[in-house]
């Protein structure tokens, strides 16, 4: 909540987690929040991102400690499996709670 009697302020928006707030990363985290893990192809299909764009966002999330990336082979084909870390789950949950509160505080 903000200092102006409960109404959201610009400083409330500035305090949002920018790693999570970016729309593509938010979509990736939201998908992985509700499922245990997903492979790279599934995320491409669900998000509509290009291979390169998805890869860049995954790197950013992994660098923040929010994603765990596991590379393996299925037969002779490479496979990349992604899952949220405990820290990533907490970051997404905290972000969602913060957004709910911001919208709740918007005057009717």
Protein backbone atom coordinates (compact mmCIF):
# COMPACT_ATOMS: atom_id res chain seq x y z
CA UNK A 1 0.00 0.00 0.00
CA UNK A 2 1.13 3.53 -0.61
CA UNK A 3 1.59 6.51 1.61
CA UNK A 4 -1.40 8.39 0.19
CA UNK A 5 -4.19 6.75 2.16
CA UNK A 6 -4.28 3.39 0.41
CA UNK A 7 -4.46 4.53 -3.19
CA UNK A 8 -1.74 3.18 -5.49
CA UNK A 9 1.03 5.58 -6.40
CA UNK A 10 3.76 5.71 -9.00
CA UNK A 11 6.27 4.63 -6.36
CA UNK A 12 4.21 1.45 -5.83
CA UNK A 13 4.61 0.65 -9.53
CA UNK A 14 8.31 1.48 -9.45
CA UNK A 15 8.78 -1.09 -6.67
CA UNK A 16 7.55 -3.99 -8.84
CA UNK A 17 10.02 -6.78 -9.58
CA UNK A 18 11.20 -5.80 -13.08
CA UNK A 19 12.56 -9.25 -13.82
CA UNK A 20 9.09 -10.76 -13.35
CA UNK A 21 7.10 -7.76 -14.64
CA UNK A 22 8.36 -7.94 -18.25
CA UNK A 23 5.46 -9.52 -20.21
CA UNK A 24 7.36 -12.41 -21.83
CA UNK A 25 9.06 -13.38 -18.57
CA UNK A 26 5.75 -13.04 -16.72
CA UNK A 27 4.17 -15.47 -19.21
CA UNK A 28 7.04 -17.95 -18.81
CA UNK A 29 6.87 -17.77 -15.02
CA UNK A 30 3.07 -18.03 -14.95
CA UNK A 31 3.18 -21.19 -17.05
CA UNK A 32 5.91 -22.76 -14.94
CA UNK A 33 4.16 -21.74 -11.72
CA UNK A 34 1.19 -24.01 -12.46
CA UNK A 35 3.12 -26.97 -13.88
CA UNK A 36 6.16 -28.72 -12.44
CA UNK A 37 8.32 -28.35 -15.53
CA UNK A 38 8.14 -27.79 -19.27
CA UNK A 39 10.37 -28.28 -22.25
CA UNK A 40 11.60 -25.50 -24.49
CA UNK A 41 9.24 -26.45 -27.36
CA UNK A 42 6.20 -26.34 -25.09
CA UNK A 43 7.14 -22.83 -23.95
CA UNK A 44 7.65 -21.66 -27.54
CA UNK A 45 4.20 -22.98 -28.47
CA UNK A 46 2.49 -21.52 -25.40
CA UNK A 47 4.13 -18.09 -25.42
CA UNK A 48 4.44 -17.47 -29.17
CA UNK A 49 8.00 -16.23 -28.64
CA UNK A 50 10.74 -16.95 -31.15
CA UNK A 51 13.51 -19.37 -30.24
CA UNK A 52 16.02 -16.55 -29.75
CA UNK A 53 13.65 -14.34 -27.76
CA UNK A 54 12.61 -17.21 -25.47
CA UNK A 55 16.25 -18.19 -25.01
CA UNK A 56 17.18 -14.62 -23.99
CA UNK A 57 14.36 -14.41 -21.43
CA UNK A 58 15.25 -17.84 -20.03
CA UNK A 59 18.85 -16.68 -19.59
CA UNK A 60 17.66 -13.58 -17.72
CA UNK A 61 15.41 -15.66 -15.42
CA UNK A 62 18.14 -18.23 -14.86
CA UNK A 63 20.63 -15.47 -14.05
CA UNK A 64 18.22 -14.09 -11.44
CA UNK A 65 18.02 -17.54 -9.84
CA UNK A 66 14.35 -17.95 -10.79
CA UNK A 67 14.71 -20.79 -13.32
CA UNK A 68 16.53 -24.08 -13.39
CA UNK A 69 17.54 -25.26 -16.85
CA UNK A 70 18.30 -28.94 -17.42
CA UNK A 71 19.76 -30.04 -20.73
CA UNK A 72 19.68 -33.71 -21.71
CA UNK A 73 19.05 -35.99 -24.65
CA UNK A 74 15.94 -37.96 -25.56
CA UNK A 75 17.44 -40.58 -27.80
CA UNK A 76 19.70 -38.57 -30.07
CA UNK A 77 17.71 -35.34 -29.77
CA UNK A 78 18.67 -32.59 -27.35
CA UNK A 79 16.03 -31.64 -24.79
CA UNK A 80 15.85 -28.60 -22.51
CA UNK A 81 13.61 -28.83 -19.45
CA UNK A 82 12.78 -25.76 -17.38
CA UNK A 83 11.35 -25.39 -13.90
CA UNK A 84 10.96 -22.58 -11.41
CA UNK A 85 13.33 -22.65 -8.46
CA UNK A 86 12.03 -22.10 -4.94
CA UNK A 87 13.25 -18.51 -5.26
CA UNK A 88 11.41 -18.18 -8.60
CA UNK A 89 8.16 -19.50 -7.12
CA UNK A 90 8.45 -17.01 -4.27
CA UNK A 91 9.23 -14.14 -6.65
CA UNK A 92 6.20 -14.97 -8.81
CA UNK A 93 3.92 -15.39 -5.79
CA UNK A 94 5.10 -12.10 -4.25
CA UNK A 95 4.66 -10.31 -7.60
CA UNK A 96 1.11 -11.69 -7.99
CA UNK A 97 0.18 -10.62 -4.46
CA UNK A 98 1.63 -7.14 -5.07
CA UNK A 99 -0.36 -6.74 -8.30
CA UNK A 100 -3.57 -7.93 -6.62
CA UNK A 101 -3.07 -5.30 -3.90
CA UNK A 102 -2.32 -2.57 -6.43
CA UNK A 103 -5.51 -3.33 -8.36
CA UNK A 104 -7.54 -3.68 -5.17
CA UNK A 105 -6.43 -0.19 -4.14
CA UNK A 106 -7.50 1.43 -7.43
CA UNK A 107 -10.50 3.69 -6.74
CA UNK A 108 -13.77 2.60 -8.33
